[in-house]
């Protein structure tokens, strides 16, 4: 199943969107059948961490495919479904990535307040994991979104966080400077 989940992104990168979405849907159906089979034999109904992670990645990859063809509502639905999977059994970095990707779709749907909330959920996970580059990108996105909403003080504060944490002389440093300007 993990190979098939990776194949989804390859198909999407090749521009074979219909095949990528069909592959993702097929993987998700097999995973759902597997989960249903497990829960009928299990008294707890819990799925193992590997199955949970594979399901989340399949949903996330299909959401990326939906996003690439402009089907933002479908992408949003898949991110929401992914976040309903027992996120305690998947790596925290994956949960943060889901929230970041979900924020992009929410922003494209014109739901900037919800997009900001999703980024604010991702940020502490990234900070705890020491993902400095991702913290900078999320802070810069929070700054840009806040400014687009007319919340300039909040936007400037987030951009200051990004400026403080970015590694000098990198492409990210230039991007943060541009956003701040």
N, C-alpha and C. Protein backbone atom coordinates (compact mmCIF):
# COMPACT_ATOMS: atom_id res chain seq x y z
N UNK A 1 0.83 -1.19 0.00
CA UNK A 1 0.00 0.00 0.00
C UNK A 1 0.87 1.25 0.00
N UNK A 2 1.99 1.21 0.76
CA UNK A 2 2.85 2.40 0.81
C UNK A 2 3.42 2.74 -0.57
N UNK A 3 3.77 1.72 -1.36
CA UNK A 3 4.27 1.97 -2.71
C UNK A 3 3.20 2.64 -3.56
N UNK A 4 1.98 2.17 -3.43
CA UNK A 4 0.87 2.77 -4.18
C UNK A 4 0.64 4.22 -3.76
N UNK A 5 0.79 4.50 -2.48
CA UNK A 5 0.62 5.88 -1.98
C UNK A 5 1.68 6.78 -2.61
N UNK A 6 2.91 6.30 -2.70
CA UNK A 6 3.97 7.08 -3.35
C UNK A 6 3.71 7.25 -4.84
N UNK A 7 3.16 6.23 -5.46
CA UNK A 7 2.84 6.27 -6.90
C UNK A 7 1.86 7.39 -7.21
N UNK A 8 0.98 7.70 -6.29
CA UNK A 8 -0.02 8.76 -6.49
C UNK A 8 0.68 10.08 -6.80
N UNK A 9 1.69 10.40 -6.02
CA UNK A 9 2.41 11.67 -6.22
C UNK A 9 3.18 11.65 -7.53
N UNK A 10 3.77 10.52 -7.88
CA UNK A 10 4.50 10.43 -9.16
C UNK A 10 3.53 10.69 -10.31
N UNK A 11 2.36 10.06 -10.28
CA UNK A 11 1.38 10.28 -11.35
C UNK A 11 0.95 11.75 -11.39
N UNK A 12 0.74 12.33 -10.22
CA UNK A 12 0.36 13.75 -10.17
C UNK A 12 1.47 14.63 -10.74
N UNK A 13 2.71 14.34 -10.37
CA UNK A 13 3.85 15.12 -10.89
C UNK A 13 3.97 15.00 -12.40
N UNK A 14 3.55 13.86 -12.95
CA UNK A 14 3.59 13.66 -14.40
C UNK A 14 2.40 14.31 -15.10
N UNK A 15 1.50 14.91 -14.33
CA UNK A 15 0.32 15.54 -14.91
C UNK A 15 -0.78 14.57 -15.25
N UNK A 16 -0.67 13.36 -14.75
CA UNK A 16 -1.69 12.34 -15.01
C UNK A 16 -2.69 12.33 -13.85
N UNK A 17 -3.40 13.45 -13.75
CA UNK A 17 -4.27 13.71 -12.61
C UNK A 17 -5.36 12.66 -12.43
N UNK A 18 -6.03 12.31 -13.51
CA UNK A 18 -7.12 11.33 -13.40
C UNK A 18 -6.61 10.00 -12.88
N UNK A 19 -5.45 9.56 -13.38
CA UNK A 19 -4.86 8.31 -12.91
C UNK A 19 -4.44 8.41 -11.45
N UNK A 20 -3.89 9.55 -11.07
CA UNK A 20 -3.45 9.75 -9.69
C UNK A 20 -4.64 9.69 -8.73
N UNK A 21 -5.72 10.36 -9.09
CA UNK A 21 -6.91 10.36 -8.23
C UNK A 21 -7.53 8.97 -8.19
N UNK A 22 -7.57 8.27 -9.32
CA UNK A 22 -8.10 6.90 -9.34
C UNK A 22 -7.23 5.97 -8.49
N UNK A 23 -5.92 6.13 -8.58
CA UNK A 23 -5.01 5.29 -7.77
C UNK A 23 -5.22 5.57 -6.28
N UNK A 24 -5.36 6.83 -5.93
CA UNK A 24 -5.58 7.18 -4.52
C UNK A 24 -6.90 6.62 -4.02
N UNK A 25 -7.93 6.74 -4.83
CA UNK A 25 -9.24 6.24 -4.44
C UNK A 25 -9.20 4.73 -4.26
N UNK A 26 -8.50 4.04 -5.13
CA UNK A 26 -8.37 2.59 -5.03
C UNK A 26 -7.63 2.18 -3.76
N UNK A 27 -6.52 2.86 -3.47
CA UNK A 27 -5.76 2.58 -2.25
C UNK A 27 -6.63 2.83 -1.03
N UNK A 28 -7.35 3.94 -1.02
CA UNK A 28 -8.19 4.26 0.13
C UNK A 28 -9.29 3.23 0.34
N UNK A 29 -9.85 2.72 -0.76
CA UNK A 29 -10.88 1.68 -0.62
C UNK A 29 -10.28 0.41 -0.02
N UNK A 30 -9.09 0.02 -0.50
CA UNK A 30 -8.44 -1.18 0.06
C UNK A 30 -8.12 -0.97 1.54
N UNK A 31 -7.67 0.22 1.89
CA UNK A 31 -7.36 0.51 3.30
C UNK A 31 -8.63 0.49 4.15
N UNK A 32 -9.72 1.06 3.63
CA UNK A 32 -10.99 1.04 4.37
C UNK A 32 -11.47 -0.38 4.57
N UNK A 33 -11.33 -1.22 3.53
CA UNK A 33 -11.70 -2.63 3.66
C UNK A 33 -10.86 -3.31 4.73
N UNK A 34 -9.57 -2.97 4.75
CA UNK A 34 -8.65 -3.54 5.74
C UNK A 34 -9.03 -3.10 7.15
N UNK A 35 -9.35 -1.82 7.31
CA UNK A 35 -9.75 -1.30 8.61
C UNK A 35 -11.05 -1.96 9.06
N UNK A 36 -12.01 -2.10 8.14
CA UNK A 36 -13.28 -2.75 8.49
C UNK A 36 -13.03 -4.19 8.92
N UNK A 37 -12.12 -4.87 8.23
CA UNK A 37 -11.79 -6.25 8.60
C UNK A 37 -11.13 -6.32 9.96
N UNK A 38 -10.28 -5.36 10.26
CA UNK A 38 -9.63 -5.34 11.57
C UNK A 38 -10.64 -5.07 12.68
N UNK A 39 -11.52 -4.09 12.46
CA UNK A 39 -12.42 -3.71 13.54
C UNK A 39 -13.45 -4.80 13.82
N UNK A 40 -13.75 -5.64 12.83
CA UNK A 40 -14.69 -6.72 13.11
C UNK A 40 -14.05 -7.82 13.94
N UNK A 41 -12.72 -7.89 13.96
CA UNK A 41 -12.02 -8.90 14.76
C UNK A 41 -11.46 -8.33 16.05
N UNK A 42 -11.49 -7.01 16.18
CA UNK A 42 -10.85 -6.38 17.31
C UNK A 42 -11.89 -5.80 18.25
N UNK A 43 -11.67 -5.96 19.53
CA UNK A 43 -12.62 -5.40 20.50
C UNK A 43 -12.43 -3.89 20.67
N UNK A 44 -11.26 -3.38 20.37
CA UNK A 44 -11.02 -1.95 20.55
C UNK A 44 -11.40 -1.14 19.31
N UNK A 45 -11.35 -1.75 18.16
CA UNK A 45 -11.63 -1.03 16.93
C UNK A 45 -10.50 -0.12 16.50
N UNK A 46 -9.40 -0.10 17.23
CA UNK A 46 -8.27 0.76 16.89
C UNK A 46 -7.49 0.14 15.74
N UNK A 47 -6.91 0.99 14.90
CA UNK A 47 -6.06 0.49 13.83
C UNK A 47 -4.62 0.74 14.21
N UNK A 48 -3.73 -0.08 13.66
CA UNK A 48 -2.33 0.08 14.04
C UNK A 48 -1.74 1.33 13.40
N UNK A 49 -0.62 1.76 13.93
CA UNK A 49 0.00 3.02 13.54
C UNK A 49 0.38 3.03 12.06
N UNK A 50 0.88 1.91 11.55
CA UNK A 50 1.29 1.84 10.16
C UNK A 50 0.09 2.02 9.23
N UNK A 51 -1.01 1.37 9.55
CA UNK A 51 -2.22 1.50 8.75
C UNK A 51 -2.77 2.92 8.82
N UNK A 52 -2.73 3.51 10.00
CA UNK A 52 -3.20 4.89 10.17
C UNK A 52 -2.35 5.85 9.34
N UNK A 53 -1.04 5.69 9.41
CA UNK A 53 -0.14 6.58 8.67
C UNK A 53 -0.33 6.43 7.17
N UNK A 54 -0.46 5.19 6.70
CA UNK A 54 -0.67 4.96 5.27
C UNK A 54 -1.98 5.57 4.80
N UNK A 55 -3.01 5.45 5.61
CA UNK A 55 -4.31 6.05 5.27
C UNK A 55 -4.20 7.56 5.19
N UNK A 56 -3.53 8.17 6.17
CA UNK A 56 -3.38 9.63 6.18
C UNK A 56 -2.58 10.08 4.97
N UNK A 57 -1.52 9.37 4.65
CA UNK A 57 -0.70 9.76 3.49
C UNK A 57 -1.49 9.61 2.19
N UNK A 58 -2.30 8.57 2.07
CA UNK A 58 -3.12 8.39 0.86
C UNK A 58 -4.13 9.53 0.73
N UNK A 59 -4.78 9.88 1.83
CA UNK A 59 -5.72 11.00 1.79
C UNK A 59 -5.01 12.31 1.46
N UNK A 60 -3.86 12.53 2.06
CA UNK A 60 -3.10 13.75 1.81
C UNK A 60 -2.65 13.83 0.36
N UNK A 61 -2.16 12.71 -0.18
CA UNK A 61 -1.71 12.71 -1.56
C UNK A 61 -2.87 12.95 -2.53
N UNK A 62 -4.03 12.35 -2.22
CA UNK A 62 -5.18 12.60 -3.10
C UNK A 62 -5.61 14.07 -2.99
N UNK A 63 -5.54 14.63 -1.78
CA UNK A 63 -5.87 16.04 -1.61
C UNK A 63 -4.95 16.91 -2.46
N UNK A 64 -3.66 16.59 -2.48
CA UNK A 64 -2.73 17.36 -3.32
C UNK A 64 -3.11 17.26 -4.80
N UNK A 65 -3.58 16.07 -5.21
CA UNK A 65 -4.02 15.89 -6.59
C UNK A 65 -5.25 16.76 -6.87
N UNK A 66 -6.22 16.73 -5.96
CA UNK A 66 -7.40 17.57 -6.12
C UNK A 66 -7.00 19.03 -6.22
N UNK A 67 -6.06 19.43 -5.35
CA UNK A 67 -5.62 20.82 -5.35
C UNK A 67 -4.98 21.20 -6.68
N UNK A 68 -4.19 20.30 -7.24
CA UNK A 68 -3.48 20.61 -8.48
C UNK A 68 -4.43 20.80 -9.66
N UNK A 69 -5.65 20.25 -9.58
CA UNK A 69 -6.61 20.45 -10.68
C UNK A 69 -7.67 21.50 -10.31
N UNK A 70 -7.49 22.14 -9.15
CA UNK A 70 -8.40 23.21 -8.77
C UNK A 70 -9.67 22.75 -8.07
N UNK A 71 -9.73 21.50 -7.66
CA UNK A 71 -10.90 20.98 -6.93
C UNK A 71 -10.66 21.17 -5.43
N UNK A 72 -10.72 22.42 -4.99
CA UNK A 72 -10.32 22.77 -3.64
C UNK A 72 -11.26 22.21 -2.56
N UNK A 73 -12.54 22.13 -2.85
CA UNK A 73 -13.47 21.55 -1.87
C UNK A 73 -13.16 20.08 -1.63
N UNK A 74 -12.89 19.34 -2.70
CA UNK A 74 -12.54 17.92 -2.57
C UNK A 74 -11.23 17.78 -1.81
N UNK A 75 -10.27 18.66 -2.09
CA UNK A 75 -9.00 18.62 -1.36
C UNK A 75 -9.24 18.88 0.12
N UNK A 76 -10.04 19.88 0.41
CA UNK A 76 -10.36 20.19 1.81
C UNK A 76 -11.00 19.00 2.51
N UNK A 77 -11.93 18.35 1.83
CA UNK A 77 -12.60 17.18 2.43
C UNK A 77 -11.60 16.07 2.76
N UNK A 78 -10.65 15.84 1.85
CA UNK A 78 -9.65 14.79 2.12
C UNK A 78 -8.74 15.17 3.29
N UNK A 79 -8.36 16.44 3.39
CA UNK A 79 -7.55 16.86 4.55
C UNK A 79 -8.33 16.70 5.84
N UNK A 80 -9.60 17.04 5.81
CA UNK A 80 -10.44 16.88 7.01
C UNK A 80 -10.53 15.40 7.39
N UNK A 81 -10.73 14.53 6.40
CA UNK A 81 -10.78 13.08 6.67
C UNK A 81 -9.46 12.59 7.26
N UNK A 82 -8.36 13.09 6.71
CA UNK A 82 -7.03 12.67 7.21
C UNK A 82 -6.86 13.08 8.66
N UNK A 83 -7.36 14.25 9.02
CA UNK A 83 -7.22 14.71 10.40
C UNK A 83 -8.16 13.99 11.36
N UNK A 84 -9.15 13.27 10.82
CA UNK A 84 -10.05 12.47 11.66
C UNK A 84 -9.45 11.11 12.02
N UNK A 85 -8.43 10.70 11.27
CA UNK A 85 -7.73 9.46 11.60
C UNK A 85 -7.04 9.69 12.94
N UNK A 86 -6.85 8.68 13.71
CA UNK A 86 -6.22 8.81 15.04
C UNK A 86 -4.85 9.44 14.88
N UNK A 87 -4.79 10.77 15.02
CA UNK A 87 -3.53 11.47 14.80
C UNK A 87 -2.50 11.18 15.89
N UNK A 88 -2.93 10.56 16.99
CA UNK A 88 -1.98 10.17 18.03
C UNK A 88 -1.09 9.02 17.58
N UNK A 89 -1.51 8.32 16.53
CA UNK A 89 -0.73 7.17 16.08
C UNK A 89 0.10 7.48 14.84
N UNK A 90 0.13 8.74 14.40
CA UNK A 90 0.95 9.09 13.25
C UNK A 90 2.00 10.11 13.68
N UNK A 91 3.10 10.21 12.96
CA UNK A 91 4.17 11.14 13.35
C UNK A 91 3.66 12.57 13.43
N UNK A 92 4.06 13.31 14.46
CA UNK A 92 3.61 14.71 14.60
C UNK A 92 3.97 15.58 13.40
N UNK A 93 5.07 15.28 12.72
CA UNK A 93 5.45 16.08 11.55
C UNK A 93 4.41 15.93 10.45
N UNK A 94 3.82 14.74 10.34
CA UNK A 94 2.78 14.51 9.34
C UNK A 94 1.51 15.30 9.69
N UNK A 95 1.18 15.36 10.97
CA UNK A 95 0.03 16.15 11.41
C UNK A 95 0.27 17.63 11.07
N UNK A 96 1.47 18.12 11.32
CA UNK A 96 1.80 19.51 11.01
C UNK A 96 1.70 19.76 9.50
N UNK A 97 2.21 18.84 8.70
CA UNK A 97 2.15 18.99 7.25
C UNK A 97 0.71 19.01 6.76
N UNK A 98 -0.12 18.17 7.36
CA UNK A 98 -1.54 18.18 6.99
C UNK A 98 -2.16 19.55 7.25
N UNK A 99 -1.86 20.12 8.40
CA UNK A 99 -2.42 21.42 8.74
C UNK A 99 -1.89 22.51 7.79
N UNK A 100 -0.62 22.43 7.43
CA UNK A 100 -0.04 23.42 6.51
C UNK A 100 -0.71 23.31 5.14
N UNK A 101 -0.81 22.08 4.62
CA UNK A 101 -1.44 21.88 3.31
C UNK A 101 -2.92 22.28 3.36
N UNK A 102 -3.58 21.94 4.46
CA UNK A 102 -4.98 22.30 4.65
C UNK A 102 -5.13 23.83 4.64
N UNK A 103 -4.17 24.52 5.26
CA UNK A 103 -4.24 25.98 5.28
C UNK A 103 -4.15 26.57 3.88
N UNK A 104 -3.33 25.97 3.03
CA UNK A 104 -3.22 26.46 1.64
C UNK A 104 -4.57 26.37 0.93
N UNK A 105 -5.25 25.23 1.11
CA UNK A 105 -6.55 25.03 0.47
C UNK A 105 -7.59 25.98 1.05
N UNK A 106 -7.57 26.12 2.37
CA UNK A 106 -8.52 27.05 3.01
C UNK A 106 -8.31 28.46 2.48
N UNK A 107 -7.06 28.86 2.32
CA UNK A 107 -6.76 30.19 1.80
C UNK A 107 -7.28 30.33 0.37
N UNK A 108 -7.09 29.29 -0.44
CA UNK A 108 -7.60 29.32 -1.82
C UNK A 108 -9.12 29.37 -1.86
N UNK A 109 -9.77 28.83 -0.84
CA UNK A 109 -11.23 28.87 -0.76
C UNK A 109 -11.74 30.19 -0.18
N UNK A 110 -10.81 31.10 0.14
CA UNK A 110 -11.20 32.38 0.69
C UNK A 110 -11.50 32.35 2.17
N UNK A 111 -11.04 31.31 2.84
CA UNK A 111 -11.28 31.14 4.27
C UNK A 111 -9.98 31.40 5.03
N UNK A 112 -9.51 32.64 4.93
CA UNK A 112 -8.20 32.98 5.49
C UNK A 112 -8.16 32.84 7.01
N UNK A 113 -9.24 33.14 7.70
CA UNK A 113 -9.24 32.99 9.16
C UNK A 113 -9.03 31.53 9.55
N UNK A 114 -9.69 30.63 8.82
CA UNK A 114 -9.50 29.19 9.08
C UNK A 114 -8.09 28.74 8.68
N UNK A 115 -7.57 29.34 7.62
CA UNK A 115 -6.20 29.01 7.18
C UNK A 115 -5.20 29.41 8.25
N UNK A 116 -5.40 30.58 8.84
CA UNK A 116 -4.51 31.04 9.91
C UNK A 116 -4.60 30.10 11.11
N UNK A 117 -5.81 29.69 11.44
CA UNK A 117 -6.00 28.76 12.56
C UNK A 117 -5.26 27.44 12.31
N UNK A 118 -5.32 26.93 11.07
CA UNK A 118 -4.63 25.68 10.74
C UNK A 118 -3.11 25.85 10.90
N UNK A 119 -2.59 26.98 10.46
CA UNK A 119 -1.15 27.22 10.60
C UNK A 119 -0.77 27.35 12.07
N UNK A 120 -1.63 27.97 12.86
CA UNK A 120 -1.35 28.11 14.29
C UNK A 120 -1.39 26.76 15.00
N UNK A 121 -2.13 25.80 14.46
CA UNK A 121 -2.11 24.44 15.02
C UNK A 121 -0.81 23.72 14.65
N UNK A 122 -0.30 24.01 13.46
CA UNK A 122 0.93 23.35 12.99
C UNK A 122 2.17 23.89 13.69
N UNK A 123 2.18 25.19 13.96
CA UNK A 123 3.38 25.85 14.45
C UNK A 123 3.97 25.23 15.72
N UNK A 124 3.19 24.98 16.78
CA UNK A 124 3.81 24.41 17.98
C UNK A 124 4.38 23.01 17.76
N UNK A 125 3.75 22.24 16.86
CA UNK A 125 4.29 20.92 16.55
C UNK A 125 5.67 21.05 15.90
N UNK A 126 5.78 21.98 14.97
CA UNK A 126 7.05 22.20 14.28
C UNK A 126 8.12 22.72 15.25
N UNK A 127 7.73 23.63 16.13
CA UNK A 127 8.68 24.16 17.11
C UNK A 127 9.16 23.05 18.03
N UNK A 128 8.24 22.21 18.48
CA UNK A 128 8.60 21.11 19.38
C UNK A 128 9.55 20.13 18.71
N UNK A 129 9.36 19.93 17.41
CA UNK A 129 10.20 18.99 16.67
C UNK A 129 11.52 19.63 16.21
N UNK A 130 11.66 20.93 16.42
CA UNK A 130 12.88 21.62 16.00
C UNK A 130 12.98 21.81 14.50
N UNK A 131 11.86 21.90 13.83
CA UNK A 131 11.83 22.07 12.37
C UNK A 131 11.92 23.56 12.03
N UNK A 132 13.11 24.09 12.20
CA UNK A 132 13.34 25.54 12.09
C UNK A 132 12.90 26.11 10.74
N UNK A 133 13.27 25.46 9.64
CA UNK A 133 12.91 25.97 8.31
C UNK A 133 11.39 26.02 8.14
N UNK A 134 10.70 25.00 8.61
CA UNK A 134 9.24 24.98 8.49
C UNK A 134 8.61 26.03 9.40
N UNK A 135 9.19 26.26 10.58
CA UNK A 135 8.68 27.30 11.47
C UNK A 135 8.77 28.66 10.77
N UNK A 136 9.87 28.91 10.11
CA UNK A 136 10.05 30.18 9.38
C UNK A 136 8.99 30.32 8.29
N UNK A 137 8.78 29.27 7.52
CA UNK A 137 7.79 29.33 6.43
C UNK A 137 6.38 29.54 6.96
N UNK A 138 6.04 28.84 8.04
CA UNK A 138 4.71 28.99 8.62
C UNK A 138 4.54 30.40 9.19
N UNK A 139 5.55 30.91 9.88
CA UNK A 139 5.46 32.26 10.44
C UNK A 139 5.32 33.29 9.31
N UNK A 140 6.06 33.11 8.23
CA UNK A 140 5.95 34.03 7.08
C UNK A 140 4.57 33.94 6.45
N UNK A 141 4.03 32.73 6.33
CA UNK A 141 2.67 32.57 5.78
C UNK A 141 1.64 33.22 6.70
N UNK A 142 1.82 33.04 8.00
CA UNK A 142 0.91 33.69 8.95
C UNK A 142 0.98 35.21 8.80
N UNK A 143 2.18 35.73 8.63
CA UNK A 143 2.35 37.17 8.43
C UNK A 143 1.67 37.66 7.17
N UNK A 144 1.89 36.94 6.08
CA UNK A 144 1.30 37.35 4.80
C UNK A 144 -0.22 37.28 4.85
N UNK A 145 -0.75 36.19 5.39
CA UNK A 145 -2.21 36.05 5.48
C UNK A 145 -2.82 37.11 6.39
N UNK A 146 -2.17 37.37 7.49
CA UNK A 146 -2.68 38.40 8.41
C UNK A 146 -2.71 39.76 7.73
N UNK A 147 -1.67 40.08 6.99
CA UNK A 147 -1.62 41.36 6.29
C UNK A 147 -2.72 41.44 5.22
N UNK A 148 -2.94 40.35 4.49
CA UNK A 148 -4.02 40.35 3.49
C UNK A 148 -5.38 40.57 4.13
N UNK A 149 -5.51 40.16 5.38
CA UNK A 149 -6.78 40.35 6.10
C UNK A 149 -6.86 41.75 6.72
N UNK A 150 -5.81 42.56 6.54
CA UNK A 150 -5.82 43.89 7.12
C UNK A 150 -5.38 43.92 8.57
N UNK A 151 -4.86 42.81 9.06
CA UNK A 151 -4.38 42.71 10.44
C UNK A 151 -2.87 42.93 10.43
N UNK A 152 -2.49 44.19 10.20
CA UNK A 152 -1.09 44.51 9.93
C UNK A 152 -0.18 44.34 11.14
N UNK A 153 -0.67 44.64 12.32
CA UNK A 153 0.17 44.45 13.52
C UNK A 153 0.47 42.98 13.73
N UNK A 154 -0.55 42.15 13.60
CA UNK A 154 -0.35 40.70 13.74
C UNK A 154 0.57 40.18 12.63
N UNK A 155 0.34 40.68 11.41
CA UNK A 155 1.18 40.27 10.28
C UNK A 155 2.63 40.62 10.50
N UNK A 156 2.88 41.83 10.96
CA UNK A 156 4.25 42.27 11.21
C UNK A 156 4.89 41.46 12.32
N UNK A 157 4.10 41.12 13.35
CA UNK A 157 4.63 40.31 14.45
C UNK A 157 5.05 38.92 13.94
N UNK A 158 4.22 38.32 13.09
CA UNK A 158 4.58 37.00 12.54
C UNK A 158 5.80 37.09 11.64
N UNK A 159 5.87 38.14 10.84
CA UNK A 159 7.04 38.31 9.98
C UNK A 159 8.31 38.54 10.80
N UNK A 160 8.17 39.18 11.95
CA UNK A 160 9.32 39.35 12.84
C UNK A 160 9.81 38.01 13.38
N UNK A 161 8.88 37.11 13.67
CA UNK A 161 9.26 35.75 14.10
C UNK A 161 10.04 35.07 12.99
N UNK A 162 9.54 35.20 11.76
CA UNK A 162 10.22 34.57 10.63
C UNK A 162 11.61 35.18 10.44
N UNK A 163 11.71 36.51 10.53
CA UNK A 163 13.01 37.17 10.38
C UNK A 163 13.99 36.73 11.46
N UNK A 164 13.49 36.57 12.66
CA UNK A 164 14.35 36.17 13.79
C UNK A 164 14.90 34.76 13.61
N UNK A 165 14.06 33.86 13.09
CA UNK A 165 14.43 32.45 13.03
C UNK A 165 15.06 31.99 11.72
N UNK A 166 14.98 32.81 10.68
CA UNK A 166 15.49 32.38 9.37
C UNK A 166 17.01 32.39 9.37
N UNK A 167 17.59 31.47 8.64
CA UNK A 167 19.03 31.41 8.50
C UNK A 167 19.47 32.46 7.48
N UNK A 168 20.37 33.32 7.88
CA UNK A 168 20.83 34.41 7.03
C UNK A 168 21.45 33.87 5.74
N UNK A 169 21.24 34.60 4.65
CA UNK A 169 21.86 34.25 3.38
C UNK A 169 21.18 33.14 2.62
N UNK A 170 20.03 32.67 3.09
CA UNK A 170 19.33 31.58 2.40
C UNK A 170 18.23 32.15 1.51
N UNK A 171 17.71 31.30 0.66
CA UNK A 171 16.57 31.67 -0.17
C UNK A 171 15.39 32.05 0.71
N UNK A 172 15.22 31.31 1.82
CA UNK A 172 14.13 31.63 2.75
C UNK A 172 14.30 33.02 3.33
N UNK A 173 15.54 33.43 3.62
CA UNK A 173 15.77 34.77 4.15
C UNK A 173 15.34 35.84 3.15
N UNK A 174 15.63 35.60 1.89
CA UNK A 174 15.21 36.54 0.84
C UNK A 174 13.68 36.58 0.74
N UNK A 175 13.06 35.41 0.83
CA UNK A 175 11.59 35.34 0.74
C UNK A 175 10.95 36.08 1.91
N UNK A 176 11.50 35.92 3.09
CA UNK A 176 10.96 36.61 4.27
C UNK A 176 11.12 38.11 4.12
N UNK A 177 12.27 38.56 3.59
CA UNK A 177 12.49 39.99 3.37
C UNK A 177 11.47 40.56 2.38
N UNK A 178 11.20 39.80 1.32
CA UNK A 178 10.23 40.24 0.33
C UNK A 178 8.85 40.36 0.96
N UNK A 179 8.44 39.34 1.70
CA UNK A 179 7.12 39.37 2.38
C UNK A 179 7.04 40.55 3.33
N UNK A 180 8.09 40.77 4.08
CA UNK A 180 8.09 41.85 5.04
C UNK A 180 7.98 43.20 4.34
N UNK A 181 8.70 43.35 3.24
CA UNK A 181 8.64 44.60 2.48
C UNK A 181 7.22 44.82 1.96
